[in-house]
Amino acid sequence: MTGRIVIVGYGMAGARLAAELHARDGDHRVTVLGAEPHRAYNRIMLSTLLAGRIDEPDLELVEAVGPGVDVRTGAPATAIDRAALEVRTADGARHGYDHLVLATGSRSVVPPLPGLDPLPDRVVPFRTLADCRRILAAARDARHALVLGGGLLGLEAARGLAARGLAVTVVHPVGHLMERQLDPPAGAVLADTLAALGVRVRLGVPATGVTADADGVRLHLGDAGPLAADLLVLCCGVRPDTALAAAAGLTVERGVVVDDRMRTSDRRISAIGDCAQHDGTPTGLVAPAWAQARVVADVLTGGDPLVRYRPRPVVTRLKAAGIDLAAMGDLAGDQTGGGPVEELTFTDPARGTYARLRIRDERLTGAILLGDNPAVGTVVQLFDRGTPVPADRRSLLLGRAFGAAPAEPAASPALMPDAAVVCRCNDVSKGELVACWRAGARSAAALSTATRAATGCGGCREAVAGIVEWLAEADPPTTDEVRDPDANREAVEV
């Protein structure tokens, strides 16, 4: 496709699409309209910033853009004129397009509680970099923080604040934590793990209101009485930001409805990322958003006329120091139809360990692994690839082998199949990392530049580092590469 492409949204999805378009040959001009006043950043790592383990510059996304890509920050889109093929921004500018891509993301849910409209100074949602800055500013003089919401983001925020020395209490209206991913036993073990890390949990207590003044904030819990703190962080979920699409008359349900090529009800408009609803479901995760960006780039540039978006199985990882949690698949679905269902569990609350597997027709359909379990990598690969599980299931539950079919992770990357996915966010396999190493990317940083591995949630950094160590021994750099480590970098940059 030639012509003008406008991307509304400069988050992780919009920035990736701009980079994908830039990397492809084509006679197109790309304009990116970002509502936030700064460059695109890694939203997944905000909880790490909150914990003080990284600084703001470490958040910035390093996406290759250049001539033909015009990035405009602090330019929120206010309206779409589908007849005139224009997008209007808050400064009154009009941006013409031949194709428009919506990457507007999602917004924090602020519960309809008395005292939250307008939001008091001591109450902050946790979604954006601006939110994170406000939380950090309030935390400097705070001693006690409350987090409303015991889902994934709420627990990451709570752990981050606890790492800064605050006494933290998580309030969750449901009877166990992370109820979308965990069962009650796993939630109980997780609550005990958090308590050992300085995070208290109040479960099954719905909030009824908020009062705040110069002295602090109080979260009212009905008959249970109020909790007082210096800061209240709201982590009550997100909703796809569909206001712009709905006002333009596009088909909107929970998100902007798209087909397998990410096209909306207007064939000149696509949608990707948190705002998009594919096959009846919004995603809310970075890996699908980046996969969708690749699909749209192929569609718009003609790189692959037959390309279709096919979602991959979702694996949820909790990114918080001192907690190792992976949850995947369906653990509460219909057990009728197909072959018999096996349910296997192991729990050791004293060690903060819980494991549950759900197997049908020798395939893993769901799993929870909490605590130290060396088999987590193997379990994720089995689930992701749909390959048969070992005959001795205990090797997956306990992380060690008991028979002739060990399921422990490969002792060396040499034993890992080339097709094994190392970076789920960017769908990078071991084979791709090896190929880039042989092409000249002779360090972990160079491999990340070449493949984008470890640039999403960061959960695969240790795996990439392990592969680099193995490759450095198996295929050491030549004398020339040691003398000039950047000599071959141009060949592998994306």
Protein backbone atom coordinates (compact mmCIF):
# COMPACT_ATOMS: atom_id res chain seq x y z
CA MET A 1 0.00 0.00 0.00
CA THR A 2 1.21 3.51 -0.73
CA GLY A 3 -0.03 6.72 0.88
CA ARG A 4 -0.66 8.17 4.29
CA ILE A 5 -0.92 5.97 7.38
CA VAL A 6 -1.97 7.58 10.65
CA ILE A 7 -1.53 5.69 13.94
CA VAL A 8 -3.56 7.01 16.87
CA GLY A 9 -1.73 5.97 20.02
CA TYR A 10 1.97 5.95 20.85
CA GLY A 11 2.03 3.19 23.42
CA MET A 12 3.60 -0.23 23.08
CA ALA A 13 1.29 -1.24 20.22
CA GLY A 14 1.46 2.00 18.23
CA ALA A 15 5.22 2.32 18.60
CA ARG A 16 5.76 -1.26 17.46
CA LEU A 17 3.55 -0.77 14.40
CA ALA A 18 5.49 2.37 13.43
CA ALA A 19 8.74 0.40 13.71
CA GLU A 20 7.33 -2.52 11.70
CA LEU A 21 6.23 -0.15 8.93
CA HIS A 22 9.60 1.59 8.95
CA ALA A 23 11.37 -1.76 8.60
CA ARG A 24 9.41 -2.65 5.46
CA ASP A 25 9.99 -1.18 2.05
CA GLY A 26 7.10 0.88 0.78
CA ASP A 27 6.07 4.29 -0.43
CA HIS A 28 4.11 5.33 2.65
CA ARG A 29 4.22 8.19 5.12
CA VAL A 30 3.45 7.38 8.74
CA THR A 31 2.17 9.84 11.34
CA VAL A 32 1.94 8.71 14.97
CA LEU A 33 -0.27 10.72 17.33
CA GLY A 34 0.50 10.17 21.00
CA ALA A 35 -1.69 11.58 23.74
CA GLU A 36 1.04 11.40 26.39
CA PRO A 37 3.74 14.10 26.31
CA HIS A 38 6.71 11.71 26.26
CA ARG A 39 8.11 9.03 24.01
CA ALA A 40 6.73 5.51 24.07
CA TYR A 41 7.69 3.48 27.12
CA ASN A 42 7.41 -0.06 28.41
CA ARG A 43 4.23 -0.01 30.49
CA ILE A 44 4.89 -3.55 31.74
CA MET A 45 7.94 -2.33 33.65
CA LEU A 46 6.16 0.43 35.59
CA SER A 47 5.92 -1.80 38.66
CA THR A 48 9.71 -2.30 38.46
CA LEU A 49 10.11 1.48 38.39
CA LEU A 50 7.77 1.69 41.38
CA ALA A 51 10.02 -0.74 43.25
CA GLY A 52 13.08 1.43 42.54
CA ARG A 53 14.88 -1.28 40.57
CA ILE A 54 15.08 0.79 37.36
CA ASP A 55 14.97 4.48 36.45
CA GLU A 56 12.70 6.28 33.97
CA PRO A 57 15.22 6.20 31.09
CA ASP A 58 15.19 2.40 31.33
CA LEU A 59 11.49 2.39 30.42
CA GLU A 60 11.84 4.08 27.04
CA LEU A 61 11.16 1.82 24.07
CA VAL A 62 13.97 1.75 21.56
CA GLU A 63 12.05 1.19 18.35
CA ALA A 64 13.71 1.86 15.01
CA VAL A 65 11.95 4.76 13.31
CA GLY A 66 13.36 7.25 10.87
CA PRO A 67 12.54 9.07 7.64
CA GLY A 68 8.91 8.66 6.71
CA VAL A 69 7.72 8.34 10.34
CA ASP A 70 6.49 11.53 12.02
CA VAL A 71 5.97 11.03 15.77
CA ARG A 72 3.93 13.70 17.54
CA THR A 73 3.71 13.46 21.32
CA GLY A 74 1.22 15.41 23.41
CA ALA A 75 -1.23 15.34 20.49
CA PRO A 76 -4.38 13.50 21.64
CA ALA A 77 -6.83 12.68 18.85
CA THR A 78 -10.28 14.17 19.43
CA ALA A 79 -12.32 13.05 16.41
CA ILE A 80 -12.28 10.95 13.24
CA ASP A 81 -13.93 12.30 10.09
CA ARG A 82 -14.43 9.14 8.06
CA ALA A 83 -15.92 11.00 5.09
CA ALA A 84 -13.00 13.42 4.80
CA LEU A 85 -10.45 10.74 5.84
CA GLU A 86 -9.07 12.98 8.58
CA VAL A 87 -8.15 12.77 12.26
CA ARG A 88 -8.45 15.91 14.37
CA THR A 89 -6.21 16.53 17.38
CA ALA A 90 -6.67 18.71 20.45
CA ASP A 91 -4.54 21.50 18.99
CA GLY A 92 -6.99 21.85 16.08
CA ALA A 93 -4.72 20.16 13.51
CA ARG A 94 -6.16 17.83 10.87
CA HIS A 95 -4.23 14.78 9.73
CA GLY A 96 -5.34 13.18 6.48
CA TYR A 97 -5.05 9.43 6.04
CA ASP A 98 -5.44 6.72 3.46
CA HIS A 99 -5.45 4.18 6.28
CA LEU A 100 -5.98 4.79 9.98
CA VAL A 101 -4.86 2.47 12.78
CA LEU A 102 -6.32 2.82 16.27
CA ALA A 103 -3.91 1.85 19.06
CA THR A 104 -5.64 3.82 21.80
CA GLY A 105 -5.03 1.24 24.52
CA SER A 106 -7.13 1.10 27.67
CA ARG A 107 -8.02 3.23 30.67
CA SER A 108 -8.01 2.50 34.38
CA VAL A 109 -11.35 1.62 35.93
CA VAL A 110 -12.19 3.98 38.79
CA PRO A 111 -14.89 2.27 40.87
CA PRO A 112 -18.08 4.29 41.46
CA LEU A 113 -17.42 4.78 45.17
CA PRO A 114 -18.40 7.85 47.17
CA GLY A 115 -15.39 10.12 47.50
CA LEU A 116 -13.70 9.23 44.18
CA ASP A 117 -15.30 11.87 41.94
CA PRO A 118 -13.15 13.88 41.61
CA LEU A 119 -10.13 11.85 42.66
CA PRO A 120 -8.48 13.17 45.84
CA ASP A 121 -4.76 13.97 45.72
CA ARG A 122 -3.88 10.93 47.80
CA VAL A 123 -5.75 8.50 45.52
CA VAL A 124 -4.02 7.45 42.29
CA PRO A 125 -4.86 4.84 39.63
CA PHE A 126 -1.89 2.79 38.44
CA ARG A 127 -1.75 2.69 34.68
CA THR A 128 0.52 5.33 33.09
CA LEU A 129 3.94 6.85 33.67
CA ALA A 130 2.21 9.98 34.99
CA ASP A 131 0.34 7.80 37.49
CA CYS A 132 3.61 6.19 38.56
CA ARG A 133 5.21 9.59 39.10
CA ARG A 134 2.30 10.67 41.30
CA ILE A 135 2.50 7.47 43.35
CA LEU A 136 6.25 7.87 43.84
CA ALA A 137 5.83 11.52 44.86
CA ALA A 138 3.20 10.57 47.45
CA ALA A 139 5.25 7.61 48.66
CA ARG A 140 8.26 9.76 49.62
CA ASP A 141 6.56 10.95 52.82
CA ALA A 142 4.25 7.96 53.26
CA ARG A 143 4.48 5.16 55.76
CA HIS A 144 1.39 3.10 54.90
CA ALA A 145 -0.22 2.49 51.51
CA LEU A 146 -3.45 0.78 50.53
CA VAL A 147 -3.93 -0.99 47.20
CA LEU A 148 -7.50 -1.57 46.09
CA GLY A 149 -7.51 -4.64 43.85
CA GLY A 150 -5.80 -8.02 44.24
CA GLY A 151 -5.31 -8.80 40.58
CA LEU A 152 -2.01 -8.98 38.71
CA LEU A 153 -1.38 -5.23 38.53
CA GLY A 154 -2.48 -4.61 42.12
CA LEU A 155 -0.05 -7.19 43.49
CA GLU A 156 2.80 -5.82 41.40
CA ALA A 157 2.07 -2.31 42.70
CA ALA A 158 1.85 -3.59 46.28
CA ARG A 159 5.16 -5.43 46.05
CA GLY A 160 6.82 -2.39 44.50
CA LEU A 161 5.67 -0.09 47.31
CA ALA A 162 6.68 -2.64 49.94
CA ALA A 163 10.15 -2.75 48.39
CA ARG A 164 10.39 0.99 49.13
CA GLY A 165 9.76 0.34 52.80
CA LEU A 166 6.05 1.14 53.03
CA ALA A 167 3.62 -0.96 55.02
CA VAL A 168 1.17 -2.13 52.35
CA THR A 169 -2.31 -3.62 52.62
CA VAL A 170 -4.11 -5.06 49.60
CA VAL A 171 -7.91 -4.95 49.76
CA HIS A 172 -9.73 -7.33 47.43
CA PRO A 173 -13.49 -7.91 47.27
CA VAL A 174 -13.15 -11.56 46.18
CA GLY A 175 -12.29 -14.43 48.51
CA HIS A 176 -8.87 -15.12 46.94
CA LEU A 177 -6.22 -13.22 45.00
CA MET A 178 -5.96 -13.17 41.20
CA GLU A 179 -9.23 -15.05 40.82
CA ARG A 180 -9.05 -14.85 37.02
CA GLN A 181 -5.83 -16.87 36.96
CA LEU A 182 -5.69 -18.76 40.27
CA ASP A 183 -7.85 -21.18 42.20
CA PRO A 184 -8.52 -20.62 45.94
CA PRO A 185 -5.68 -22.87 47.21
CA ALA A 186 -3.14 -21.09 45.01
CA GLY A 187 -4.54 -17.73 46.13
CA ALA A 188 -4.08 -18.74 49.78
CA VAL A 189 -0.44 -19.75 49.25
CA LEU A 190 0.17 -16.48 47.38
CA ALA A 191 -1.35 -14.48 50.25
CA ASP A 192 1.03 -16.18 52.69
CA THR A 193 3.97 -15.46 50.39
CA LEU A 194 3.00 -11.78 50.23
CA ALA A 195 2.65 -11.60 54.00
CA ALA A 196 6.23 -12.84 54.36
CA LEU A 197 7.28 -10.03 52.03
CA GLY A 198 5.53 -7.33 54.06
CA VAL A 199 2.21 -7.11 52.19
CA ARG A 200 -0.95 -7.73 54.19
CA VAL A 201 -4.11 -8.90 52.43
CA ARG A 202 -7.77 -8.26 53.27
CA LEU A 203 -10.01 -10.57 51.24
CA GLY A 204 -13.75 -10.75 50.66
CA VAL A 205 -14.35 -7.18 51.85
CA PRO A 206 -15.95 -4.83 49.30
CA ALA A 207 -15.03 -1.15 49.55
CA THR A 208 -17.96 1.20 50.21
CA GLY A 209 -16.36 4.64 50.06
CA VAL A 210 -13.27 6.82 50.37
CA THR A 211 -12.56 9.92 52.43
CA ALA A 212 -9.34 11.91 52.14
CA ASP A 213 -7.92 15.06 53.65
CA ALA A 214 -4.55 16.60 54.40
CA ASP A 215 -3.85 13.98 57.05
CA GLY A 216 -4.44 10.89 54.93
CA VAL A 217 -6.96 8.69 53.20
CA ARG A 218 -9.47 6.21 54.59
CA LEU A 219 -10.95 3.31 52.68
CA HIS A 220 -14.33 2.35 54.13
CA LEU A 221 -15.18 -1.35 54.16
CA GLY A 222 -18.78 -1.33 55.39
CA ASP A 223 -19.25 -3.24 58.62
CA ALA A 224 -15.54 -4.07 58.72
CA GLY A 225 -14.70 -0.42 59.43
CA PRO A 226 -12.24 1.88 57.62
CA LEU A 227 -8.56 1.40 56.89
CA ALA A 228 -6.34 4.49 57.17
CA ALA A 229 -3.22 5.16 55.11
CA ASP A 230 -1.16 7.92 53.52
CA LEU A 231 -1.84 6.75 49.97
CA LEU A 232 -4.48 4.70 48.10
CA VAL A 233 -3.58 3.08 44.79
CA LEU A 234 -6.45 1.97 42.56
CA CYS A 235 -5.87 -1.26 40.60
CA CYS A 236 -9.45 -2.17 39.76
CA GLY A 237 -8.94 -3.27 36.18
CA VAL A 238 -8.93 -1.53 32.81
CA ARG A 239 -11.36 -0.98 29.97
CA PRO A 240 -10.50 -0.67 26.26
CA ASP A 241 -10.43 2.99 25.22
CA THR A 242 -13.10 2.94 22.52
CA ALA A 243 -14.51 6.46 22.82
CA LEU A 244 -12.90 7.73 19.60
CA ALA A 245 -14.03 4.68 17.62
CA ALA A 246 -17.57 4.76 18.99
CA ALA A 247 -17.96 8.48 18.20
CA ALA A 248 -16.85 7.72 14.63
CA GLY A 249 -19.58 5.10 14.25
CA LEU A 250 -17.35 2.02 14.17
CA THR A 251 -18.66 -1.27 15.55
CA VAL A 252 -17.75 -1.37 19.24
CA GLU A 253 -18.61 -4.00 21.85
CA ARG A 254 -16.21 -4.40 24.75
CA GLY A 255 -13.49 -3.26 22.33
CA VAL A 256 -13.30 -2.10 18.73
CA VAL A 257 -14.44 -5.16 16.76
CA VAL A 258 -11.83 -6.40 14.25
CA ASP A 259 -11.46 -9.35 11.91
CA ASP A 260 -8.49 -11.68 11.39
CA ARG A 261 -6.64 -8.94 9.50
CA MET A 262 -7.33 -6.45 12.32
CA ARG A 263 -9.77 -4.44 10.14
CA THR A 264 -12.71 -2.67 11.73
CA SER A 265 -16.17 -2.20 10.22
CA ASP A 266 -14.55 0.54 8.09
CA ARG A 267 -11.99 -1.13 5.81
CA ARG A 268 -9.84 2.00 5.90
CA ILE A 269 -9.45 1.70 9.67
CA SER A 270 -7.69 -1.00 11.71
CA ALA A 271 -7.33 -1.46 15.45
CA ILE A 272 -4.64 -3.23 17.48
CA GLY A 273 -3.68 -3.76 21.09
CA ASP A 274 -5.77 -3.19 24.18
CA CYS A 275 -8.52 -1.30 22.35
CA ALA A 276 -9.17 -4.09 19.82
CA GLN A 277 -11.60 -6.98 20.22
CA HIS A 278 -10.74 -10.00 18.11
CA ASP A 279 -12.99 -13.06 18.07
CA GLY A 280 -15.10 -11.59 20.85
CA THR A 281 -12.21 -10.97 23.24
CA PRO A 282 -10.01 -7.95 24.03
CA THR A 283 -6.44 -8.99 24.86
CA GLY A 284 -4.87 -6.53 27.31
CA LEU A 285 -1.43 -8.14 26.90
CA VAL A 286 1.67 -7.01 25.05
CA ALA A 287 2.46 -10.20 23.09
CA PRO A 288 -0.88 -10.19 21.19
CA ALA A 289 -0.55 -6.43 20.57
CA TRP A 290 2.87 -6.87 18.99
CA ALA A 291 1.68 -9.83 16.93
CA GLN A 292 -1.25 -7.71 15.71
CA ALA A 293 1.16 -4.91 14.76
CA ARG A 294 3.06 -7.33 12.53
CA VAL A 295 -0.16 -8.44 10.86
CA VAL A 296 -1.26 -4.86 10.12
CA ALA A 297 2.20 -3.95 8.81
CA ASP A 298 2.08 -6.92 6.42
CA VAL A 299 -1.45 -6.03 5.31
CA LEU A 300 -0.69 -2.35 4.69
CA THR A 301 2.60 -2.92 2.87
CA GLY A 302 1.53 -6.02 0.94
CA GLY A 303 4.30 -8.02 2.61
CA ASP A 304 2.03 -11.02 3.13
CA PRO A 305 -1.36 -10.77 1.41
CA LEU A 306 -2.58 -13.95 3.15
CA VAL A 307 -1.55 -12.98 6.68
CA ARG A 308 -4.06 -13.55 9.47
CA TYR A 309 -3.88 -12.91 13.19
CA ARG A 310 -3.97 -16.12 15.19
CA PRO A 311 -3.80 -15.66 18.97
CA ARG A 312 -1.37 -17.80 20.93
CA PRO A 313 -2.14 -19.43 24.29
CA VAL A 314 -1.77 -16.92 27.13
CA VAL A 315 0.69 -17.42 29.98
CA THR A 316 0.42 -15.01 32.92
CA ARG A 317 3.58 -14.25 34.91
CA LEU A 318 3.65 -12.17 38.09
CA LYS A 319 6.63 -9.80 37.95
CA ALA A 320 7.39 -9.12 41.59
CA ALA A 321 10.59 -9.70 43.55
CA GLY A 322 10.35 -12.77 45.76
CA ILE A 323 7.38 -14.28 43.89
CA ASP A 324 7.60 -16.81 41.07
CA LEU A 325 4.19 -17.42 39.53
CA ALA A 326 3.06 -18.76 36.17
CA ALA A 327 -0.58 -19.45 35.30
CA MET A 328 -1.94 -20.59 31.97
CA GLY A 329 -4.94 -22.08 30.24
CA ASP A 330 -8.34 -23.14 31.53
CA LEU A 331 -8.55 -24.72 34.97
CA ALA A 332 -12.29 -24.37 35.49
CA GLY A 333 -13.74 -25.12 32.07
CA ASP A 334 -16.24 -27.74 30.98
CA GLN A 335 -14.90 -31.24 31.55
CA THR A 336 -17.36 -32.89 29.17
CA GLY A 337 -16.37 -33.91 25.67
CA GLY A 338 -12.98 -35.13 24.49
CA GLY A 339 -10.89 -37.52 26.52
CA PRO A 340 -10.76 -37.91 30.29
CA VAL A 341 -9.45 -34.97 32.32
CA GLU A 342 -6.59 -35.44 34.78
CA GLU A 343 -6.26 -33.02 37.69
CA LEU A 344 -2.99 -33.10 39.62
CA THR A 345 -2.07 -30.83 42.52
CA PHE A 346 0.75 -30.41 45.00
CA THR A 347 0.97 -27.86 47.78
CA ASP A 348 3.58 -27.03 50.41
CA PRO A 349 2.41 -23.81 52.13
CA ALA A 350 5.43 -23.73 54.42
CA ARG A 351 7.68 -23.32 51.38
CA GLY A 352 5.24 -21.15 49.45
CA THR A 353 4.86 -23.79 46.77
CA TYR A 354 1.74 -24.79 44.84
CA ALA A 355 1.37 -26.66 41.56
CA ARG A 356 -1.71 -27.71 39.63
CA LEU A 357 -1.92 -29.33 36.21
CA ARG A 358 -4.94 -30.05 34.04
CA ILE A 359 -4.36 -32.63 31.31
CA ARG A 360 -6.66 -33.91 28.59
CA ASP A 361 -5.73 -36.34 25.83
CA GLU A 362 -2.11 -36.25 27.07
CA ARG A 363 -1.96 -32.48 26.46
CA LEU A 364 -1.63 -29.78 29.10
CA THR A 365 -4.72 -27.55 28.99
CA GLY A 366 -4.04 -25.50 32.14
CA ALA A 367 -1.51 -25.06 34.90
CA ILE A 368 -0.60 -23.01 37.97
CA LEU A 369 2.98 -23.02 39.25
CA LEU A 370 3.70 -20.90 42.32
CA GLY A 371 7.02 -20.90 44.11
CA ASP A 372 10.30 -22.51 43.18
CA ASN A 373 9.64 -25.17 40.53
CA PRO A 374 12.47 -25.99 38.09
CA ALA A 375 9.96 -27.45 35.63
CA VAL A 376 8.22 -24.14 34.93
CA GLY A 377 10.04 -23.67 31.62
CA THR A 378 9.11 -27.18 30.51
CA VAL A 379 5.47 -26.70 31.53
CA VAL A 380 5.20 -23.44 29.58
CA GLN A 381 6.70 -25.09 26.49
CA LEU A 382 4.36 -28.09 26.74
CA PHE A 383 1.36 -25.80 27.05
CA ASP A 384 2.51 -23.42 24.32
CA ARG A 385 3.29 -26.12 21.74
CA GLY A 386 0.58 -28.62 22.65
CA THR A 387 3.02 -31.51 22.84
CA PRO A 388 2.35 -34.65 24.92
CA VAL A 389 3.19 -34.54 28.60
CA PRO A 390 5.64 -37.08 30.11
CA ALA A 391 4.31 -40.34 31.43
CA ASP A 392 5.47 -39.50 34.95
CA ARG A 393 3.41 -36.42 35.84
CA ARG A 394 5.29 -35.93 39.11
CA SER A 395 8.24 -34.53 37.23
CA LEU A 396 6.08 -31.55 36.22
CA LEU A 397 4.44 -31.07 39.60
CA LEU A 398 7.62 -31.27 41.64
CA GLY A 399 10.24 -30.19 39.13
CA ARG A 400 12.29 -33.37 39.13
CA ALA A 401 12.17 -36.63 37.20
CA PHE A 402 11.06 -39.96 38.67
CA GLY A 403 11.45 -42.28 35.73
CA ALA A 404 12.65 -42.67 32.22
CA ALA A 405 10.90 -39.55 30.93
CA PRO A 406 12.42 -36.59 32.77
CA ALA A 407 10.64 -33.29 32.37
CA GLU A 408 13.25 -31.05 33.91
CA PRO A 409 14.38 -28.08 31.82
CA ALA A 410 17.36 -28.82 29.62
CA ALA A 411 20.59 -28.68 31.62
CA SER A 412 22.18 -26.94 28.64
CA PRO A 413 20.66 -24.83 25.85
CA ALA A 414 22.23 -27.40 23.52
CA LEU A 415 19.43 -29.79 24.53
CA MET A 416 16.71 -27.20 23.90
CA PRO A 417 14.97 -27.62 20.51
CA ASP A 418 15.45 -24.76 18.07
CA ALA A 419 11.68 -24.27 17.93
CA ALA A 420 11.44 -23.61 21.69
CA VAL A 421 10.08 -20.11 22.31
CA VAL A 422 12.45 -18.15 24.54
CA CYS A 423 10.74 -14.75 24.42
CA ARG A 424 6.95 -15.03 24.42
CA CYS A 425 6.35 -11.29 24.14
CA ASN A 426 8.10 -11.16 20.76
CA ASP A 427 7.73 -14.83 19.76
CA VAL A 428 11.49 -15.38 19.50
CA SER A 429 12.77 -18.96 19.38
CA LYS A 430 16.10 -20.39 20.41
CA GLY A 431 16.84 -21.04 16.72
CA GLU A 432 16.41 -17.36 15.86
CA LEU A 433 18.78 -16.35 18.65
CA VAL A 434 21.38 -18.83 17.42
CA ALA A 435 21.03 -17.61 13.83
CA CYS A 436 21.53 -13.98 14.90
CA TRP A 437 24.56 -14.96 16.98
CA ARG A 438 26.09 -16.60 13.93
CA ALA A 439 25.25 -13.50 11.89
CA GLY A 440 27.34 -11.37 14.24
CA ALA A 441 25.18 -10.43 17.27
CA ARG A 442 27.74 -11.61 19.82
CA SER A 443 26.21 -10.37 23.10
CA ALA A 444 22.90 -10.39 24.95
CA ALA A 445 22.39 -6.72 24.09
CA ALA A 446 23.09 -7.35 20.41
CA LEU A 447 20.69 -10.30 20.35
CA SER A 448 17.98 -8.13 21.92
CA THR A 449 18.58 -5.47 19.29
CA ALA A 450 18.41 -8.02 16.50
CA THR A 451 15.38 -10.03 17.66
CA ARG A 452 13.72 -7.81 20.32
CA ALA A 453 14.00 -10.69 22.79
CA ALA A 454 13.85 -9.51 26.43
CA THR A 455 12.42 -6.10 25.47
CA GLY A 456 8.90 -6.85 26.70
CA CYS A 457 8.18 -8.07 30.21
CA GLY A 458 11.83 -8.95 30.78
CA GLY A 459 11.00 -12.45 32.00
CA CYS A 460 13.32 -14.11 29.49
CA ARG A 461 16.47 -12.08 30.25
CA GLU A 462 18.08 -14.90 32.23
CA ALA A 463 17.24 -17.42 29.49
CA VAL A 464 18.79 -15.17 26.82
CA ALA A 465 21.87 -14.68 29.01
CA GLY A 466 22.16 -18.46 29.45
CA ILE A 467 21.99 -19.01 25.69
CA VAL A 468 24.68 -16.34 25.19
CA GLU A 469 26.97 -18.08 27.71
CA TRP A 470 26.42 -21.41 25.97
CA LEU A 471 27.06 -19.91 22.52
CA ALA A 472 30.16 -18.09 23.72
CA GLU A 473 31.66 -21.47 24.66
CA ALA A 474 30.32 -23.46 21.70
CA ASP A 475 30.96 -20.79 19.05
CA PRO A 476 33.42 -18.23 20.49
CA PRO A 477 33.93 -14.88 18.76
CA THR A 478 36.73 -14.65 16.23
CA THR A 479 39.79 -12.51 16.85
CA ASP A 480 38.39 -9.78 14.62
CA GLU A 481 35.04 -9.79 16.47
CA VAL A 482 36.79 -9.48 19.82
CA ARG A 483 38.82 -6.57 18.44
CA ASP A 484 35.73 -4.87 16.94
CA PRO A 485 32.54 -6.18 18.63
CA ASP A 486 30.34 -3.83 16.60
CA ALA A 487 31.72 -4.88 13.22
CA ASN A 488 28.79 -7.12 12.31
CA ARG A 489 26.02 -5.29 14.13
CA GLU A 490 24.62 -3.61 11.03
CA ALA A 491 23.83 -6.99 9.51
CA VAL A 492 21.53 -7.99 12.35
CA GLU A 493 19.80 -4.78 13.39
CA VAL A 494 16.04 -4.59 12.77
